[in-house]
Amino acid sequence: DIAGLWSPSDTLAAELSAAAEKAGEK
């Protein structure tokens, strides 16, 4: 149920995590 996220950018990782939260995709 959960996808993995890798990024050297904390900013981009935070943006994607927030987008996934809004979308309901883990």
PDB file of all heavy atoms in Angstrom:
ATOM      1  N   ASP A   1       0.790  -1.231   0.000  1.00  0.00           N
ATOM      2  CA  ASP A   1       0.000   0.000   0.000  1.00  0.00           C
ATOM      3  C   ASP A   1       0.823   1.283   0.000  1.00  0.00           C
ATOM      4  O   ASP A   1       0.272   2.367  -0.202  1.00  0.00           O
ATOM      5  CB  ASP A   1      -0.928   0.032   1.226  1.00  0.00           C
ATOM      6  CG  ASP A   1      -1.963  -1.074   1.202  1.00  0.00           C
ATOM      7  OD1 ASP A   1      -2.284  -1.557   0.098  1.00  0.00           O
ATOM      8  OD2 ASP A   1      -2.443  -1.465   2.278  1.00  0.00           O
ATOM      9  N   ILE A   2       2.124   1.171   0.233  1.00  0.00           N
ATOM     10  CA  ILE A   2       2.938   2.368   0.445  1.00  0.00           C
ATOM     11  C   ILE A   2       4.071   2.421  -0.568  1.00  0.00           C
ATOM     12  O   ILE A   2       4.796   1.442  -0.755  1.00  0.00           O
ATOM     13  CB  ILE A   2       3.521   2.389   1.872  1.00  0.00           C
ATOM     14  CG1 ILE A   2       2.404   2.226   2.906  1.00  0.00           C
ATOM     15  CG2 ILE A   2       4.297   3.678   2.128  1.00  0.00           C
ATOM     16  CD1 ILE A   2       2.904   2.025   4.329  1.00  0.00           C
ATOM     17  N   ALA A   3       4.231   3.573  -1.216  1.00  0.00           N
ATOM     18  CA  ALA A   3       5.351   3.795  -2.127  1.00  0.00           C
ATOM     19  C   ALA A   3       6.528   4.383  -1.366  1.00  0.00           C
ATOM     20  O   ALA A   3       6.355   5.039  -0.332  1.00  0.00           O
ATOM     21  CB  ALA A   3       4.935   4.743  -3.251  1.00  0.00           C
ATOM     22  N   GLY A   4       7.725   4.144  -1.875  1.00  0.00           N
ATOM     23  CA  GLY A   4       8.927   4.706  -1.274  1.00  0.00           C
ATOM     24  C   GLY A   4       9.336   6.000  -1.950  1.00  0.00           C
ATOM     25  O   GLY A   4       9.150   6.166  -3.157  1.00  0.00           O
ATOM     26  N   LEU A   5       9.871   6.914  -1.175  1.00  0.00           N
ATOM     27  CA  LEU A   5      10.336   8.215  -1.672  1.00  0.00           C
ATOM     28  C   LEU A   5      11.802   8.391  -1.304  1.00  0.00           C
ATOM     29  O   LEU A   5      12.175   8.255  -0.134  1.00  0.00           O
ATOM     30  CB  LEU A   5       9.489   9.339  -1.058  1.00  0.00           C
ATOM     31  CG  LEU A   5      10.064  10.764  -1.074  1.00  0.00           C
ATOM     32  CD1 LEU A   5      10.227  11.275  -2.493  1.00  0.00           C
ATOM     33  CD2 LEU A   5       9.161  11.711  -0.268  1.00  0.00           C
ATOM     34  N   TRP A   6      12.617   8.703  -2.292  1.00  0.00           N
ATOM     35  CA  TRP A   6      14.026   9.020  -2.071  1.00  0.00           C
ATOM     36  C   TRP A   6      14.316  10.382  -2.690  1.00  0.00           C
ATOM     37  O   TRP A   6      13.915  10.634  -3.835  1.00  0.00           O
ATOM     38  CB  TRP A   6      14.943   7.997  -2.731  1.00  0.00           C
ATOM     39  CG  TRP A   6      15.011   6.668  -2.067  1.00  0.00           C
ATOM     40  CD1 TRP A   6      15.980   6.217  -1.221  1.00  0.00           C
ATOM     41  CD2 TRP A   6      14.086   5.579  -2.206  1.00  0.00           C
ATOM     42  NE1 TRP A   6      15.711   4.931  -0.816  1.00  0.00           N
ATOM     43  CE2 TRP A   6      14.561   4.512  -1.409  1.00  0.00           C
ATOM     44  CE3 TRP A   6      12.896   5.410  -2.933  1.00  0.00           C
ATOM     45  CZ2 TRP A   6      13.890   3.301  -1.314  1.00  0.00           C
ATOM     46  CZ3 TRP A   6      12.232   4.207  -2.833  1.00  0.00           C
ATOM     47  CH2 TRP A   6      12.727   3.160  -2.030  1.00  0.00           C
ATOM     48  N   SER A   7      14.986  11.241  -1.966  1.00  0.00           N
ATOM     49  CA  SER A   7      15.383  12.527  -2.522  1.00  0.00           C
ATOM     50  C   SER A   7      16.487  13.144  -1.674  1.00  0.00           C
ATOM     51  O   SER A   7      16.413  13.100  -0.439  1.00  0.00           O
ATOM     52  CB  SER A   7      14.190  13.496  -2.580  1.00  0.00           C
ATOM     53  OG  SER A   7      14.592  14.742  -3.123  1.00  0.00           O
ATOM     54  N   PRO A   8      17.504  13.737  -2.315  1.00  0.00           N
ATOM     55  CA  PRO A   8      18.506  14.486  -1.558  1.00  0.00           C
ATOM     56  C   PRO A   8      18.011  15.865  -1.150  1.00  0.00           C
ATOM     57  O   PRO A   8      18.670  16.567  -0.393  1.00  0.00           O
ATOM     58  CB  PRO A   8      19.683  14.592  -2.544  1.00  0.00           C
ATOM     59  CG  PRO A   8      19.052  14.491  -3.887  1.00  0.00           C
ATOM     60  CD  PRO A   8      17.852  13.610  -3.738  1.00  0.00           C
ATOM     61  N   SER A   9      16.817  16.259  -1.656  1.00  0.00           N
ATOM     62  CA  SER A   9      16.251  17.576  -1.374  1.00  0.00           C
ATOM     63  C   SER A   9      15.151  17.465  -0.325  1.00  0.00           C
ATOM     64  O   SER A   9      14.089  16.891  -0.588  1.00  0.00           O
ATOM     65  CB  SER A   9      15.682  18.201  -2.657  1.00  0.00           C
ATOM     66  OG  SER A   9      14.893  19.345  -2.363  1.00  0.00           O
ATOM     67  N   ASP A  10      15.368  18.037   0.852  1.00  0.00           N
ATOM     68  CA  ASP A  10      14.339  18.032   1.896  1.00  0.00           C
ATOM     69  C   ASP A  10      13.106  18.807   1.442  1.00  0.00           C
ATOM     70  O   ASP A  10      11.975  18.429   1.763  1.00  0.00           O
ATOM     71  CB  ASP A  10      14.884  18.643   3.188  1.00  0.00           C
ATOM     72  CG  ASP A  10      15.941  17.769   3.852  1.00  0.00           C
ATOM     73  OD1 ASP A  10      15.987  16.559   3.543  1.00  0.00           O
ATOM     74  OD2 ASP A  10      16.723  18.306   4.653  1.00  0.00           O
ATOM     75  N   THR A  11      13.328  19.881   0.704  1.00  0.00           N
ATOM     76  CA  THR A  11      12.201  20.699   0.242  1.00  0.00           C
ATOM     77  C   THR A  11      11.311  19.924  -0.707  1.00  0.00           C
ATOM     78  O   THR A  11      10.081  19.888  -0.557  1.00  0.00           O
ATOM     79  CB  THR A  11      12.718  21.975  -0.456  1.00  0.00           C
ATOM     80  OG1 THR A  11      13.496  22.729   0.467  1.00  0.00           O
ATOM     81  CG2 THR A  11      11.560  22.828  -0.957  1.00  0.00           C
ATOM     82  N   LEU A  12      11.912  19.279  -1.701  1.00  0.00           N
ATOM     83  CA  LEU A  12      11.131  18.511  -2.671  1.00  0.00           C
ATOM     84  C   LEU A  12      10.458  17.317  -2.000  1.00  0.00           C
ATOM     85  O   LEU A  12       9.289  17.011  -2.293  1.00  0.00           O
ATOM     86  CB  LEU A  12      12.040  18.048  -3.810  1.00  0.00           C
ATOM     87  CG  LEU A  12      11.378  17.250  -4.938  1.00  0.00           C
ATOM     88  CD1 LEU A  12      10.198  18.008  -5.537  1.00  0.00           C
ATOM     89  CD2 LEU A  12      12.403  16.903  -6.017  1.00  0.00           C
ATOM     90  N   ALA A  13      11.156  16.657  -1.099  1.00  0.00           N
ATOM     91  CA  ALA A  13      10.559  15.524  -0.381  1.00  0.00           C
ATOM     92  C   ALA A  13       9.344  15.972   0.417  1.00  0.00           C
ATOM     93  O   ALA A  13       8.316  15.277   0.453  1.00  0.00           O
ATOM     94  CB  ALA A  13      11.594  14.882   0.536  1.00  0.00           C
ATOM     95  N   ALA A  14       9.443  17.138   1.058  1.00  0.00           N
ATOM     96  CA  ALA A  14       8.324  17.660   1.836  1.00  0.00           C
ATOM     97  C   ALA A  14       7.147  18.009   0.928  1.00  0.00           C
ATOM     98  O   ALA A  14       5.978  17.768   1.274  1.00  0.00           O
ATOM     99  CB  ALA A  14       8.759  18.879   2.639  1.00  0.00           C
ATOM    100  N   GLU A  15       7.427  18.583  -0.239  1.00  0.00           N
ATOM    101  CA  GLU A  15       6.363  18.923  -1.188  1.00  0.00           C
ATOM    102  C   GLU A  15       5.607  17.662  -1.625  1.00  0.00           C
ATOM    103  O   GLU A  15       4.374  17.644  -1.666  1.00  0.00           O
ATOM    104  CB  GLU A  15       6.955  19.603  -2.419  1.00  0.00           C
ATOM    105  CG  GLU A  15       7.469  21.009  -2.195  1.00  0.00           C
ATOM    106  CD  GLU A  15       8.164  21.577  -3.414  1.00  0.00           C
ATOM    107  OE1 GLU A  15       8.265  20.865  -4.444  1.00  0.00           O
ATOM    108  OE2 GLU A  15       8.608  22.734  -3.350  1.00  0.00           O
ATOM    109  N   LEU A  16       6.350  16.618  -1.954  1.00  0.00           N
ATOM    110  CA  LEU A  16       5.717  15.385  -2.424  1.00  0.00           C
ATOM    111  C   LEU A  16       4.959  14.682  -1.309  1.00  0.00           C
ATOM    112  O   LEU A  16       3.871  14.132  -1.539  1.00  0.00           O
ATOM    113  CB  LEU A  16       6.778  14.457  -3.012  1.00  0.00           C
ATOM    114  CG  LEU A  16       7.339  14.904  -4.362  1.00  0.00           C
ATOM    115  CD1 LEU A  16       8.617  14.145  -4.695  1.00  0.00           C
ATOM    116  CD2 LEU A  16       6.301  14.712  -5.467  1.00  0.00           C
ATOM    117  N   SER A  17       5.504  14.712  -0.108  1.00  0.00           N
ATOM    118  CA  SER A  17       4.807  14.100   1.027  1.00  0.00           C
ATOM    119  C   SER A  17       3.490  14.823   1.301  1.00  0.00           C
ATOM    120  O   SER A  17       2.461  14.183   1.574  1.00  0.00           O
ATOM    121  CB  SER A  17       5.693  14.134   2.267  1.00  0.00           C
ATOM    122  OG  SER A  17       6.843  13.330   2.085  1.00  0.00           O
ATOM    123  N   ALA A  18       3.509  16.148   1.215  1.00  0.00           N
ATOM    124  CA  ALA A  18       2.280  16.928   1.424  1.00  0.00           C
ATOM    125  C   ALA A  18       1.266  16.651   0.322  1.00  0.00           C
ATOM    126  O   ALA A  18       0.061  16.538   0.574  1.00  0.00           O
ATOM    127  CB  ALA A  18       2.605  18.418   1.490  1.00  0.00           C
ATOM    128  N   ALA A  19       1.740  16.538  -0.919  1.00  0.00           N
ATOM    129  CA  ALA A  19       0.847  16.243  -2.046  1.00  0.00           C
ATOM    130  C   ALA A  19       0.225  14.862  -1.897  1.00  0.00           C
ATOM    131  O   ALA A  19      -0.973  14.673  -2.157  1.00  0.00           O
ATOM    132  CB  ALA A  19       1.621  16.343  -3.357  1.00  0.00           C
ATOM    133  N   ALA A  20       1.024  13.887  -1.471  1.00  0.00           N
ATOM    134  CA  ALA A  20       0.506  12.533  -1.279  1.00  0.00           C
ATOM    135  C   ALA A  20      -0.528  12.494  -0.161  1.00  0.00           C
ATOM    136  O   ALA A  20      -1.545  11.797  -0.257  1.00  0.00           O
ATOM    137  CB  ALA A  20       1.657  11.569  -0.981  1.00  0.00           C
ATOM    138  N   GLU A  21      -0.274  13.246   0.910  1.00  0.00           N
ATOM    139  CA  GLU A  21      -1.233  13.327   2.014  1.00  0.00           C
ATOM    140  C   GLU A  21      -2.568  13.880   1.527  1.00  0.00           C
ATOM    141  O   GLU A  21      -3.640  13.362   1.856  1.00  0.00           O
ATOM    142  CB  GLU A  21      -0.658  14.216   3.115  1.00  0.00           C
ATOM    143  CG  GLU A  21      -1.612  14.505   4.257  1.00  0.00           C
ATOM    144  CD  GLU A  21      -1.715  13.369   5.255  1.00  0.00           C
ATOM    145  OE1 GLU A  21      -0.860  12.469   5.226  1.00  0.00           O
ATOM    146  OE2 GLU A  21      -2.650  13.381   6.064  1.00  0.00           O
ATOM    147  N   LYS A  22      -2.497  14.919   0.721  1.00  0.00           N
ATOM    148  CA  LYS A  22      -3.722  15.531   0.191  1.00  0.00           C
ATOM    149  C   LYS A  22      -4.444  14.584  -0.758  1.00  0.00           C
ATOM    150  O   LYS A  22      -5.675  14.538  -0.798  1.00  0.00           O
ATOM    151  CB  LYS A  22      -3.362  16.835  -0.529  1.00  0.00           C
ATOM    152  CG  LYS A  22      -4.549  17.722  -0.841  1.00  0.00           C
ATOM    153  CD  LYS A  22      -4.085  19.094  -1.323  1.00  0.00           C
ATOM    154  CE  LYS A  22      -5.270  20.041  -1.523  1.00  0.00           C
ATOM    155  NZ  LYS A  22      -4.818  21.382  -1.996  1.00  0.00           N
ATOM    156  N   ALA A  23      -3.669  13.815  -1.509  1.00  0.00           N
ATOM    157  CA  ALA A  23      -4.251  12.900  -2.486  1.00  0.00           C
ATOM    158  C   ALA A  23      -4.766  11.613  -1.850  1.00  0.00           C
ATOM    159  O   ALA A  23      -5.542  10.887  -2.469  1.00  0.00           O
ATOM    160  CB  ALA A  23      -3.209  12.556  -3.545  1.00  0.00           C
ATOM    161  N   GLY A  24      -4.306  11.309  -0.640  1.00  0.00           N
ATOM    162  CA  GLY A  24      -4.689  10.046  -0.012  1.00  0.00           C
ATOM    163  C   GLY A  24      -3.883   8.870  -0.525  1.00  0.00           C
ATOM    164  O   GLY A  24      -4.309   7.718  -0.399  1.00  0.00           O
ATOM    165  N   GLU A  25      -2.704   9.142  -1.108  1.00  0.00           N
ATOM    166  CA  GLU A  25      -1.823   8.082  -1.591  1.00  0.00           C
ATOM    167  C   GLU A  25      -0.630   7.976  -0.635  1.00  0.00           C
ATOM    168  O   GLU A  25       0.069   8.958  -0.409  1.00  0.00           O
ATOM    169  CB  GLU A  25      -1.359   8.379  -3.020  1.00  0.00           C
ATOM    170  CG  GLU A  25      -2.531   8.378  -3.996  1.00  0.00           C
ATOM    171  CD  GLU A  25      -2.126   8.582  -5.438  1.00  0.00           C
ATOM    172  OE1 GLU A  25      -1.225   9.402  -5.703  1.00  0.00           O
ATOM    173  OE2 GLU A  25      -2.737   7.944  -6.305  1.00  0.00           O
ATOM    174  N   LYS A  26      -0.403   6.792  -0.099  1.00  0.00           N
ATOM    175  CA  LYS A  26       0.580   6.631   0.961  1.00  0.00           C
ATOM    176  C   LYS A  26       2.002   6.624   0.407  1.00  0.00           C
ATOM    177  O   LYS A  26       2.297   5.953  -0.589  1.00  0.00           O
ATOM    178  CB  LYS A  26       0.298   5.343   1.737  1.00  0.00           C
ATOM    179  CG  LYS A  26      -1.023   5.382   2.488  1.00  0.00           C
ATOM    180  CD  LYS A  26      -1.280   4.102   3.255  1.00  0.00           C
ATOM    181  CE  LYS A  26      -2.608   4.175   3.993  1.00  0.00           C
ATOM    182  NZ  LYS A  26      -2.893   2.932   4.743  1.00  0.00           N
TER     183      LYS A  26
END
